[in-house]
């Protein structure tokens, strides 16, 4: 996994990146789930 991160960083591999719409969708899902459970948002 470390080697993978390094090869992505130097441009030898392509990382699986979410687009902005997907990131917003997952953030909304996470916020709704945490609100449903009544838990605090976890730190990054």
ModelCIF file with pLDDT and N, C-alpha, C, O atoms, coordinates in Angstrom:
data_MODEL
#
_entry.id   MODEL 
#
_entity.id                         1 
_entity.type                       polymer 
_entity.pdbx_number_of_molecules   1 
#
_entity_poly.entity_id                      1 
_entity_poly.type                           'polypeptide(L)' 
_entity_poly.nstd_linkage                   no 
_entity_poly.nstd_monomer                   no 
_entity_poly.pdbx_seq_one_letter_code       
;(UNK)(UNK)(UNK)(UNK)(UNK)(UNK)(UNK)(UNK)(UNK)(UNK)(UNK)(UNK)(UNK)(UNK)(UNK)(UNK)
(UNK)(UNK)(UNK)(UNK)(UNK)(UNK)(UNK)(UNK)(UNK)(UNK)(UNK)(UNK)(UNK)(UNK)(UNK)(UNK)
(UNK)(UNK)(UNK)(UNK)(UNK)(UNK)(UNK)(UNK)(UNK)(UNK)(UNK)(UNK)
;
_entity_poly.pdbx_seq_one_letter_code_can   XXXXXXXXXXXXXXXXXXXXXXXXXXXXXXXXXXXXXXXXXXXX 
_entity_poly.pdbx_strand_id                 A 
#
loop_
_entity_poly_seq.entity_id 
_entity_poly_seq.num 
_entity_poly_seq.mon_id 
_entity_poly_seq.hetero 
1 1  UNK n 
1 2  UNK n 
1 3  UNK n 
1 4  UNK n 
1 5  UNK n 
1 6  UNK n 
1 7  UNK n 
1 8  UNK n 
1 9  UNK n 
1 10 UNK n 
1 11 UNK n 
1 12 UNK n 
1 13 UNK n 
1 14 UNK n 
1 15 UNK n 
1 16 UNK n 
1 17 UNK n 
1 18 UNK n 
1 19 UNK n 
1 20 UNK n 
1 21 UNK n 
1 22 UNK n 
1 23 UNK n 
1 24 UNK n 
1 25 UNK n 
1 26 UNK n 
1 27 UNK n 
1 28 UNK n 
1 29 UNK n 
1 30 UNK n 
1 31 UNK n 
1 32 UNK n 
1 33 UNK n 
1 34 UNK n 
1 35 UNK n 
1 36 UNK n 
1 37 UNK n 
1 38 UNK n 
1 39 UNK n 
1 40 UNK n 
1 41 UNK n 
1 42 UNK n 
1 43 UNK n 
1 44 UNK n 
#
_struct_asym.id          A 
_struct_asym.entity_id   1 
#
loop_
_ma_qa_metric.id 
_ma_qa_metric.mode 
_ma_qa_metric.name 
_ma_qa_metric.software_group_id 
_ma_qa_metric.type 
1 global pLDDT . pLDDT 
2 local  pLDDT . pLDDT 
#
_ma_qa_metric_global.metric_id      1 
_ma_qa_metric_global.metric_value   72.52 
_ma_qa_metric_global.model_id       1 
_ma_qa_metric_global.ordinal_id     1 
#
loop_
_ma_qa_metric_local.label_asym_id 
_ma_qa_metric_local.label_comp_id 
_ma_qa_metric_local.label_seq_id 
_ma_qa_metric_local.metric_id 
_ma_qa_metric_local.metric_value 
_ma_qa_metric_local.model_id 
_ma_qa_metric_local.ordinal_id 
A UNK 1  2 95.00 1 1  
A UNK 2  2 96.00 1 2  
A UNK 3  2 97.00 1 3  
A UNK 4  2 95.00 1 4  
A UNK 5  2 94.00 1 5  
A UNK 6  2 97.00 1 6  
A UNK 7  2 96.00 1 7  
A UNK 8  2 94.00 1 8  
A UNK 9  2 94.00 1 9  
A UNK 10 2 94.00 1 10 
A UNK 11 2 92.00 1 11 
A UNK 12 2 92.00 1 12 
A UNK 13 2 90.00 1 13 
A UNK 14 2 85.00 1 14 
A UNK 15 2 73.00 1 15 
A UNK 16 2 68.00 1 16 
A UNK 17 2 64.00 1 17 
A UNK 18 2 60.00 1 18 
A UNK 19 2 61.00 1 19 
A UNK 20 2 69.00 1 20 
A UNK 21 2 69.00 1 21 
A UNK 22 2 63.00 1 22 
A UNK 23 2 65.00 1 23 
A UNK 24 2 70.00 1 24 
A UNK 25 2 63.00 1 25 
A UNK 26 2 66.00 1 26 
A UNK 27 2 69.00 1 27 
A UNK 28 2 70.00 1 28 
A UNK 29 2 66.00 1 29 
A UNK 30 2 67.00 1 30 
A UNK 31 2 72.00 1 31 
A UNK 32 2 70.00 1 32 
A UNK 33 2 64.00 1 33 
A UNK 34 2 65.00 1 34 
A UNK 35 2 68.00 1 35 
A UNK 36 2 64.00 1 36 
A UNK 37 2 62.00 1 37 
A UNK 38 2 61.00 1 38 
A UNK 39 2 54.00 1 39 
A UNK 40 2 53.00 1 40 
A UNK 41 2 50.00 1 41 
A UNK 42 2 47.00 1 42 
A UNK 43 2 44.00 1 43 
A UNK 44 2 43.00 1 44 
#
loop_
_atom_site.group_PDB 
_atom_site.id 
_atom_site.type_symbol 
_atom_site.label_atom_id 
_atom_site.label_alt_id 
_atom_site.label_comp_id 
_atom_site.label_asym_id 
_atom_site.label_entity_id 
_atom_site.label_seq_id 
_atom_site.pdbx_PDB_ins_code 
_atom_site.Cartn_x 
_atom_site.Cartn_y 
_atom_site.Cartn_z 
_atom_site.occupancy 
_atom_site.B_iso_or_equiv 
_atom_site.pdbx_formal_charge 
_atom_site.auth_seq_id 
_atom_site.auth_comp_id 
_atom_site.auth_asym_id 
_atom_site.auth_atom_id 
_atom_site.pdbx_PDB_model_num 
ATOM 1   N N  . UNK A 1 1  ? 0.837   -1.207 0.000   1.00 95.00 ? 1  UNK A N  1 
ATOM 2   C CA . UNK A 1 1  ? 0.000   0.000  0.000   1.00 95.00 ? 1  UNK A CA 1 
ATOM 3   C C  . UNK A 1 1  ? 0.869   1.252  0.000   1.00 95.00 ? 1  UNK A C  1 
ATOM 4   O O  . UNK A 1 1  ? 0.526   2.246  -0.642  1.00 95.00 ? 1  UNK A O  1 
ATOM 5   N N  . UNK A 1 2  ? 1.995   1.211  0.718   1.00 96.00 ? 2  UNK A N  1 
ATOM 6   C CA . UNK A 1 2  ? 2.936   2.334  0.722   1.00 96.00 ? 2  UNK A CA 1 
ATOM 7   C C  . UNK A 1 2  ? 3.530   2.527  -0.677  1.00 96.00 ? 2  UNK A C  1 
ATOM 8   O O  . UNK A 1 2  ? 3.634   3.649  -1.170  1.00 96.00 ? 2  UNK A O  1 
ATOM 9   N N  . UNK A 1 3  ? 3.915   1.413  -1.303  1.00 97.00 ? 3  UNK A N  1 
ATOM 10  C CA . UNK A 1 3  ? 4.457   1.491  -2.660  1.00 97.00 ? 3  UNK A CA 1 
ATOM 11  C C  . UNK A 1 3  ? 3.426   2.068  -3.627  1.00 97.00 ? 3  UNK A C  1 
ATOM 12  O O  . UNK A 1 3  ? 3.765   2.860  -4.506  1.00 97.00 ? 3  UNK A O  1 
ATOM 13  N N  . UNK A 1 4  ? 2.173   1.667  -3.460  1.00 95.00 ? 4  UNK A N  1 
ATOM 14  C CA . UNK A 1 4  ? 1.107   2.188  -4.316  1.00 95.00 ? 4  UNK A CA 1 
ATOM 15  C C  . UNK A 1 4  ? 0.978   3.704  -4.159  1.00 95.00 ? 4  UNK A C  1 
ATOM 16  O O  . UNK A 1 4  ? 0.890   4.427  -5.152  1.00 95.00 ? 4  UNK A O  1 
ATOM 17  N N  . UNK A 1 5  ? 0.966   4.185  -2.918  1.00 94.00 ? 5  UNK A N  1 
ATOM 18  C CA . UNK A 1 5  ? 0.885   5.623  -2.668  1.00 94.00 ? 5  UNK A CA 1 
ATOM 19  C C  . UNK A 1 5  ? 2.047   6.356  -3.332  1.00 94.00 ? 5  UNK A C  1 
ATOM 20  O O  . UNK A 1 5  ? 1.873   7.434  -3.900  1.00 94.00 ? 5  UNK A O  1 
ATOM 21  N N  . UNK A 1 6  ? 3.228   5.758  -3.254  1.00 97.00 ? 6  UNK A N  1 
ATOM 22  C CA . UNK A 1 6  ? 4.411   6.405  -3.828  1.00 97.00 ? 6  UNK A CA 1 
ATOM 23  C C  . UNK A 1 6  ? 4.333   6.453  -5.349  1.00 97.00 ? 6  UNK A C  1 
ATOM 24  O O  . UNK A 1 6  ? 4.633   7.484  -5.952  1.00 97.00 ? 6  UNK A O  1 
ATOM 25  N N  . UNK A 1 7  ? 3.936   5.354  -5.971  1.00 96.00 ? 7  UNK A N  1 
ATOM 26  C CA . UNK A 1 7  ? 3.854   5.315  -7.429  1.00 96.00 ? 7  UNK A CA 1 
ATOM 27  C C  . UNK A 1 7  ? 2.780   6.266  -7.947  1.00 96.00 ? 7  UNK A C  1 
ATOM 28  O O  . UNK A 1 7  ? 2.926   6.839  -9.027  1.00 96.00 ? 7  UNK A O  1 
ATOM 29  N N  . UNK A 1 8  ? 1.708   6.435  -7.187  1.00 94.00 ? 8  UNK A N  1 
ATOM 30  C CA . UNK A 1 8  ? 0.680   7.413  -7.563  1.00 94.00 ? 8  UNK A CA 1 
ATOM 31  C C  . UNK A 1 8  ? 1.247   8.828  -7.454  1.00 94.00 ? 8  UNK A C  1 
ATOM 32  O O  . UNK A 1 8  ? 0.992   9.676  -8.309  1.00 94.00 ? 8  UNK A O  1 
ATOM 33  N N  . UNK A 1 9  ? 2.016   9.072  -6.396  1.00 94.00 ? 9  UNK A N  1 
ATOM 34  C CA . UNK A 1 9  ? 2.570   10.418 -6.167  1.00 94.00 ? 9  UNK A CA 1 
ATOM 35  C C  . UNK A 1 9  ? 3.540   10.833 -7.269  1.00 94.00 ? 9  UNK A C  1 
ATOM 36  O O  . UNK A 1 9  ? 3.605   12.014 -7.611  1.00 94.00 ? 9  UNK A O  1 
ATOM 37  N N  . UNK A 1 10 ? 4.296   9.888  -7.835  1.00 94.00 ? 10 UNK A N  1 
ATOM 38  C CA . UNK A 1 10 ? 5.275   10.238 -8.875  1.00 94.00 ? 10 UNK A CA 1 
ATOM 39  C C  . UNK A 1 10 ? 4.693   10.067 -10.275 1.00 94.00 ? 10 UNK A C  1 
ATOM 40  O O  . UNK A 1 10 ? 5.401   10.237 -11.267 1.00 94.00 ? 10 UNK A O  1 
ATOM 41  N N  . UNK A 1 11 ? 3.404   9.731  -10.357 1.00 92.00 ? 11 UNK A N  1 
ATOM 42  C CA . UNK A 1 11 ? 2.735   9.669  -11.650 1.00 92.00 ? 11 UNK A CA 1 
ATOM 43  C C  . UNK A 1 11 ? 2.869   8.365  -12.395 1.00 92.00 ? 11 UNK A C  1 
ATOM 44  O O  . UNK A 1 11 ? 2.569   8.304  -13.587 1.00 92.00 ? 11 UNK A O  1 
ATOM 45  N N  . UNK A 1 12 ? 3.318   7.307  -11.714 1.00 92.00 ? 12 UNK A N  1 
ATOM 46  C CA . UNK A 1 12 ? 3.493   6.016  -12.378 1.00 92.00 ? 12 UNK A CA 1 
ATOM 47  C C  . UNK A 1 12 ? 2.225   5.172  -12.316 1.00 92.00 ? 12 UNK A C  1 
ATOM 48  O O  . UNK A 1 12 ? 2.074   4.220  -13.082 1.00 92.00 ? 12 UNK A O  1 
ATOM 49  N N  . UNK A 1 13 ? 1.307   5.520  -11.399 1.00 90.00 ? 13 UNK A N  1 
ATOM 50  C CA . UNK A 1 13 ? 0.017   4.845  -11.289 1.00 90.00 ? 13 UNK A CA 1 
ATOM 51  C C  . UNK A 1 13 ? -1.077  5.901  -11.159 1.00 90.00 ? 13 UNK A C  1 
ATOM 52  O O  . UNK A 1 13 ? -0.825  7.031  -10.740 1.00 90.00 ? 13 UNK A O  1 
ATOM 53  N N  . UNK A 1 14 ? -2.274  5.516  -11.522 1.00 85.00 ? 14 UNK A N  1 
ATOM 54  C CA . UNK A 1 14 ? -3.426  6.404  -11.374 1.00 85.00 ? 14 UNK A CA 1 
ATOM 55  C C  . UNK A 1 14 ? -4.206  6.016  -10.126 1.00 85.00 ? 14 UNK A C  1 
ATOM 56  O O  . UNK A 1 14 ? -4.579  4.854  -9.963  1.00 85.00 ? 14 UNK A O  1 
ATOM 57  N N  . UNK A 1 15 ? -4.455  6.977  -9.248  1.00 73.00 ? 15 UNK A N  1 
ATOM 58  C CA . UNK A 1 15 ? -5.237  6.713  -8.054  1.00 73.00 ? 15 UNK A CA 1 
ATOM 59  C C  . UNK A 1 15 ? -6.726  6.757  -8.361  1.00 73.00 ? 15 UNK A C  1 
ATOM 60  O O  . UNK A 1 15 ? -7.157  7.397  -9.320  1.00 73.00 ? 15 UNK A O  1 
ATOM 61  N N  . UNK A 1 16 ? -7.492  6.078  -7.548  1.00 68.00 ? 16 UNK A N  1 
ATOM 62  C CA . UNK A 1 16 ? -8.941  6.087  -7.701  1.00 68.00 ? 16 UNK A CA 1 
ATOM 63  C C  . UNK A 1 16 ? -9.498  7.281  -6.930  1.00 68.00 ? 16 UNK A C  1 
ATOM 64  O O  . UNK A 1 16 ? -9.696  7.226  -5.717  1.00 68.00 ? 16 UNK A O  1 
ATOM 65  N N  . UNK A 1 17 ? -9.743  8.353  -7.669  1.00 64.00 ? 17 UNK A N  1 
ATOM 66  C CA . UNK A 1 17 ? -10.201 9.589  -7.051  1.00 64.00 ? 17 UNK A CA 1 
ATOM 67  C C  . UNK A 1 17 ? -11.702 9.782  -7.288  1.00 64.00 ? 17 UNK A C  1 
ATOM 68  O O  . UNK A 1 17 ? -12.211 9.554  -8.385  1.00 64.00 ? 17 UNK A O  1 
ATOM 69  N N  . UNK A 1 18 ? -12.389 10.206 -6.233  1.00 60.00 ? 18 UNK A N  1 
ATOM 70  C CA . UNK A 1 18 ? -13.802 10.529 -6.370  1.00 60.00 ? 18 UNK A CA 1 
ATOM 71  C C  . UNK A 1 18 ? -13.948 11.933 -6.925  1.00 60.00 ? 18 UNK A C  1 
ATOM 72  O O  . UNK A 1 18 ? -13.168 12.822 -6.584  1.00 60.00 ? 18 UNK A O  1 
ATOM 73  N N  . UNK A 1 19 ? -14.949 12.140 -7.782  1.00 61.00 ? 19 UNK A N  1 
ATOM 74  C CA . UNK A 1 19 ? -15.172 13.493 -8.267  1.00 61.00 ? 19 UNK A CA 1 
ATOM 75  C C  . UNK A 1 19 ? -15.900 14.309 -7.196  1.00 61.00 ? 19 UNK A C  1 
ATOM 76  O O  . UNK A 1 19 ? -16.323 13.762 -6.178  1.00 61.00 ? 19 UNK A O  1 
ATOM 77  N N  . UNK A 1 20 ? -16.043 15.600 -7.425  1.00 69.00 ? 20 UNK A N  1 
ATOM 78  C CA . UNK A 1 20 ? -16.614 16.508 -6.426  1.00 69.00 ? 20 UNK A CA 1 
ATOM 79  C C  . UNK A 1 20 ? -18.050 16.118 -6.064  1.00 69.00 ? 20 UNK A C  1 
ATOM 80  O O  . UNK A 1 20 ? -18.446 16.204 -4.902  1.00 69.00 ? 20 UNK A O  1 
ATOM 81  N N  . UNK A 1 21 ? -18.819 15.692 -7.056  1.00 69.00 ? 21 UNK A N  1 
ATOM 82  C CA . UNK A 1 21 ? -20.210 15.304 -6.808  1.00 69.00 ? 21 UNK A CA 1 
ATOM 83  C C  . UNK A 1 21 ? -20.284 14.073 -5.902  1.00 69.00 ? 21 UNK A C  1 
ATOM 84  O O  . UNK A 1 21 ? -21.125 14.008 -5.005  1.00 69.00 ? 21 UNK A O  1 
ATOM 85  N N  . UNK A 1 22 ? -19.403 13.100 -6.138  1.00 63.00 ? 22 UNK A N  1 
ATOM 86  C CA . UNK A 1 22 ? -19.376 11.898 -5.302  1.00 63.00 ? 22 UNK A CA 1 
ATOM 87  C C  . UNK A 1 22 ? -18.952 12.224 -3.879  1.00 63.00 ? 22 UNK A C  1 
ATOM 88  O O  . UNK A 1 22 ? -19.512 11.688 -2.922  1.00 63.00 ? 22 UNK A O  1 
ATOM 89  N N  . UNK A 1 23 ? -17.957 13.107 -3.736  1.00 65.00 ? 23 UNK A N  1 
ATOM 90  C CA . UNK A 1 23 ? -17.499 13.486 -2.394  1.00 65.00 ? 23 UNK A CA 1 
ATOM 91  C C  . UNK A 1 23 ? -18.598 14.186 -1.610  1.00 65.00 ? 23 UNK A C  1 
ATOM 92  O O  . UNK A 1 23 ? -18.778 13.923 -0.421  1.00 65.00 ? 23 UNK A O  1 
ATOM 93  N N  . UNK A 1 24 ? -19.334 15.077 -2.268  1.00 70.00 ? 24 UNK A N  1 
ATOM 94  C CA . UNK A 1 24 ? -20.427 15.777 -1.598  1.00 70.00 ? 24 UNK A CA 1 
ATOM 95  C C  . UNK A 1 24 ? -21.532 14.801 -1.201  1.00 70.00 ? 24 UNK A C  1 
ATOM 96  O O  . UNK A 1 24 ? -22.106 14.907 -0.117  1.00 70.00 ? 24 UNK A O  1 
ATOM 97  N N  . UNK A 1 25 ? -21.822 13.853 -2.085  1.00 63.00 ? 25 UNK A N  1 
ATOM 98  C CA . UNK A 1 25 ? -22.860 12.856 -1.802  1.00 63.00 ? 25 UNK A CA 1 
ATOM 99  C C  . UNK A 1 25 ? -22.489 12.008 -0.583  1.00 63.00 ? 25 UNK A C  1 
ATOM 100 O O  . UNK A 1 25 ? -23.325 11.774 0.289   1.00 63.00 ? 25 UNK A O  1 
ATOM 101 N N  . UNK A 1 26 ? -21.243 11.553 -0.525  1.00 66.00 ? 26 UNK A N  1 
ATOM 102 C CA . UNK A 1 26 ? -20.808 10.724 0.596   1.00 66.00 ? 26 UNK A CA 1 
ATOM 103 C C  . UNK A 1 26 ? -20.744 11.531 1.888   1.00 66.00 ? 26 UNK A C  1 
ATOM 104 O O  . UNK A 1 26 ? -21.041 11.008 2.962   1.00 66.00 ? 26 UNK A O  1 
ATOM 105 N N  . UNK A 1 27 ? -20.355 12.811 1.790   1.00 69.00 ? 27 UNK A N  1 
ATOM 106 C CA . UNK A 1 27 ? -20.333 13.666 2.984   1.00 69.00 ? 27 UNK A CA 1 
ATOM 107 C C  . UNK A 1 27 ? -21.736 13.852 3.537   1.00 69.00 ? 27 UNK A C  1 
ATOM 108 O O  . UNK A 1 27 ? -21.934 13.844 4.752   1.00 69.00 ? 27 UNK A O  1 
ATOM 109 N N  . UNK A 1 28 ? -22.706 14.019 2.654   1.00 70.00 ? 28 UNK A N  1 
ATOM 110 C CA . UNK A 1 28 ? -24.101 14.165 3.091   1.00 70.00 ? 28 UNK A CA 1 
ATOM 111 C C  . UNK A 1 28 ? -24.599 12.860 3.723   1.00 70.00 ? 28 UNK A C  1 
ATOM 112 O O  . UNK A 1 28 ? -25.294 12.887 4.739   1.00 70.00 ? 28 UNK A O  1 
ATOM 113 N N  . UNK A 1 29 ? -24.247 11.738 3.131   1.00 66.00 ? 29 UNK A N  1 
ATOM 114 C CA . UNK A 1 29 ? -24.640 10.438 3.671   1.00 66.00 ? 29 UNK A CA 1 
ATOM 115 C C  . UNK A 1 29 ? -24.055 10.231 5.061   1.00 66.00 ? 29 UNK A C  1 
ATOM 116 O O  . UNK A 1 29 ? -24.735 9.758  5.972   1.00 66.00 ? 29 UNK A O  1 
ATOM 117 N N  . UNK A 1 30 ? -22.789 10.590 5.209   1.00 67.00 ? 30 UNK A N  1 
ATOM 118 C CA . UNK A 1 30 ? -22.127 10.404 6.498   1.00 67.00 ? 30 UNK A CA 1 
ATOM 119 C C  . UNK A 1 30 ? -22.749 11.297 7.569   1.00 67.00 ? 30 UNK A C  1 
ATOM 120 O O  . UNK A 1 30 ? -22.990 10.858 8.694   1.00 67.00 ? 30 UNK A O  1 
ATOM 121 N N  . UNK A 1 31 ? -23.006 12.561 7.204   1.00 72.00 ? 31 UNK A N  1 
ATOM 122 C CA . UNK A 1 31 ? -23.608 13.488 8.163   1.00 72.00 ? 31 UNK A CA 1 
ATOM 123 C C  . UNK A 1 31 ? -24.992 13.009 8.590   1.00 72.00 ? 31 UNK A C  1 
ATOM 124 O O  . UNK A 1 31 ? -25.349 13.092 9.765   1.00 72.00 ? 31 UNK A O  1 
ATOM 125 N N  . UNK A 1 32 ? -25.772 12.505 7.626   1.00 70.00 ? 32 UNK A N  1 
ATOM 126 C CA . UNK A 1 32 ? -27.115 12.014 7.945   1.00 70.00 ? 32 UNK A CA 1 
ATOM 127 C C  . UNK A 1 32 ? -27.044 10.787 8.838   1.00 70.00 ? 32 UNK A C  1 
ATOM 128 O O  . UNK A 1 32 ? -27.848 10.646 9.759   1.00 70.00 ? 32 UNK A O  1 
ATOM 129 N N  . UNK A 1 33 ? -26.098 9.904  8.581   1.00 64.00 ? 33 UNK A N  1 
ATOM 130 C CA . UNK A 1 33 ? -25.962 8.686  9.391   1.00 64.00 ? 33 UNK A CA 1 
ATOM 131 C C  . UNK A 1 33 ? -25.537 9.023  10.811  1.00 64.00 ? 33 UNK A C  1 
ATOM 132 O O  . UNK A 1 33 ? -26.063 8.462  11.773  1.00 64.00 ? 33 UNK A O  1 
ATOM 133 N N  . UNK A 1 34 ? -24.581 9.944  10.943  1.00 65.00 ? 34 UNK A N  1 
ATOM 134 C CA . UNK A 1 34 ? -24.114 10.335 12.279  1.00 65.00 ? 34 UNK A CA 1 
ATOM 135 C C  . UNK A 1 34 ? -25.214 11.045 13.055  1.00 65.00 ? 34 UNK A C  1 
ATOM 136 O O  . UNK A 1 34 ? -25.347 10.856 14.264  1.00 65.00 ? 34 UNK A O  1 
ATOM 137 N N  . UNK A 1 35 ? -26.010 11.870 12.354  1.00 68.00 ? 35 UNK A N  1 
ATOM 138 C CA . UNK A 1 35 ? -27.127 12.549 13.014  1.00 68.00 ? 35 UNK A CA 1 
ATOM 139 C C  . UNK A 1 35 ? -28.167 11.536 13.473  1.00 68.00 ? 35 UNK A C  1 
ATOM 140 O O  . UNK A 1 35 ? -28.773 11.693 14.533  1.00 68.00 ? 35 UNK A O  1 
ATOM 141 N N  . UNK A 1 36 ? -28.369 10.504 12.676  1.00 64.00 ? 36 UNK A N  1 
ATOM 142 C CA . UNK A 1 36 ? -29.329 9.449  13.019  1.00 64.00 ? 36 UNK A CA 1 
ATOM 143 C C  . UNK A 1 36 ? -28.905 8.700  14.273  1.00 64.00 ? 36 UNK A C  1 
ATOM 144 O O  . UNK A 1 36 ? -29.736 8.321  15.098  1.00 64.00 ? 36 UNK A O  1 
ATOM 145 N N  . UNK A 1 37 ? -27.575 8.488  14.405  1.00 62.00 ? 37 UNK A N  1 
ATOM 146 C CA . UNK A 1 37 ? -27.060 7.777  15.581  1.00 62.00 ? 37 UNK A CA 1 
ATOM 147 C C  . UNK A 1 37 ? -26.858 8.708  16.772  1.00 62.00 ? 37 UNK A C  1 
ATOM 148 O O  . UNK A 1 37 ? -26.746 8.259  17.913  1.00 62.00 ? 37 UNK A O  1 
ATOM 149 N N  . UNK A 1 38 ? -26.813 10.016 16.493  1.00 61.00 ? 38 UNK A N  1 
ATOM 150 C CA . UNK A 1 38 ? -26.564 10.975 17.560  1.00 61.00 ? 38 UNK A CA 1 
ATOM 151 C C  . UNK A 1 38 ? -25.129 10.981 18.013  1.00 61.00 ? 38 UNK A C  1 
ATOM 152 O O  . UNK A 1 38 ? -24.844 11.194 19.191  1.00 61.00 ? 38 UNK A O  1 
ATOM 153 N N  . UNK A 1 39 ? -24.200 10.744 17.065  1.00 54.00 ? 39 UNK A N  1 
ATOM 154 C CA . UNK A 1 39 ? -22.774 10.722 17.416  1.00 54.00 ? 39 UNK A CA 1 
ATOM 155 C C  . UNK A 1 39 ? -22.103 11.961 16.852  1.00 54.00 ? 39 UNK A C  1 
ATOM 156 O O  . UNK A 1 39 ? -22.592 12.579 15.906  1.00 54.00 ? 39 UNK A O  1 
ATOM 157 N N  . UNK A 1 40 ? -20.969 12.312 17.454  1.00 53.00 ? 40 UNK A N  1 
ATOM 158 C CA . UNK A 1 40 ? -20.200 13.450 16.965  1.00 53.00 ? 40 UNK A CA 1 
ATOM 159 C C  . UNK A 1 40 ? -19.406 13.052 15.733  1.00 53.00 ? 40 UNK A C  1 
ATOM 160 O O  . UNK A 1 40 ? -19.034 11.892 15.560  1.00 53.00 ? 40 UNK A O  1 
ATOM 161 N N  . UNK A 1 41 ? -19.157 14.028 14.890  1.00 50.00 ? 41 UNK A N  1 
ATOM 162 C CA . UNK A 1 41 ? -18.383 13.771 13.680  1.00 50.00 ? 41 UNK A CA 1 
ATOM 163 C C  . UNK A 1 41 ? -16.952 13.418 14.046  1.00 50.00 ? 41 UNK A C  1 
ATOM 164 O O  . UNK A 1 41 ? -16.320 14.102 14.851  1.00 50.00 ? 41 UNK A O  1 
ATOM 165 N N  . UNK A 1 42 ? -16.445 12.344 13.449  1.00 47.00 ? 42 UNK A N  1 
ATOM 166 C CA . UNK A 1 42 ? -15.074 11.922 13.734  1.00 47.00 ? 42 UNK A CA 1 
ATOM 167 C C  . UNK A 1 42 ? -14.094 12.868 13.062  1.00 47.00 ? 42 UNK A C  1 
ATOM 168 O O  . UNK A 1 42 ? -14.365 13.415 11.993  1.00 47.00 ? 42 UNK A O  1 
ATOM 169 N N  . UNK A 1 43 ? -12.943 13.052 13.713  1.00 44.00 ? 43 UNK A N  1 
ATOM 170 C CA . UNK A 1 43 ? -11.907 13.878 13.117  1.00 44.00 ? 43 UNK A CA 1 
ATOM 171 C C  . UNK A 1 43 ? -11.332 13.162 11.897  1.00 44.00 ? 43 UNK A C  1 
ATOM 172 O O  . UNK A 1 43 ? -11.338 11.932 11.856  1.00 44.00 ? 43 UNK A O  1 
ATOM 173 N N  . UNK A 1 44 ? -10.837 13.899 10.904  1.00 43.00 ? 44 UNK A N  1 
ATOM 174 C CA . UNK A 1 44 ? -10.252 13.267 9.723   1.00 43.00 ? 44 UNK A CA 1 
ATOM 175 C C  . UNK A 1 44 ? -9.162  12.276 10.106  1.00 43.00 ? 44 UNK A C  1 
ATOM 176 O O  . UNK A 1 44 ? -8.561  11.651 9.233   1.00 43.00 ? 44 UNK A O  1 
#
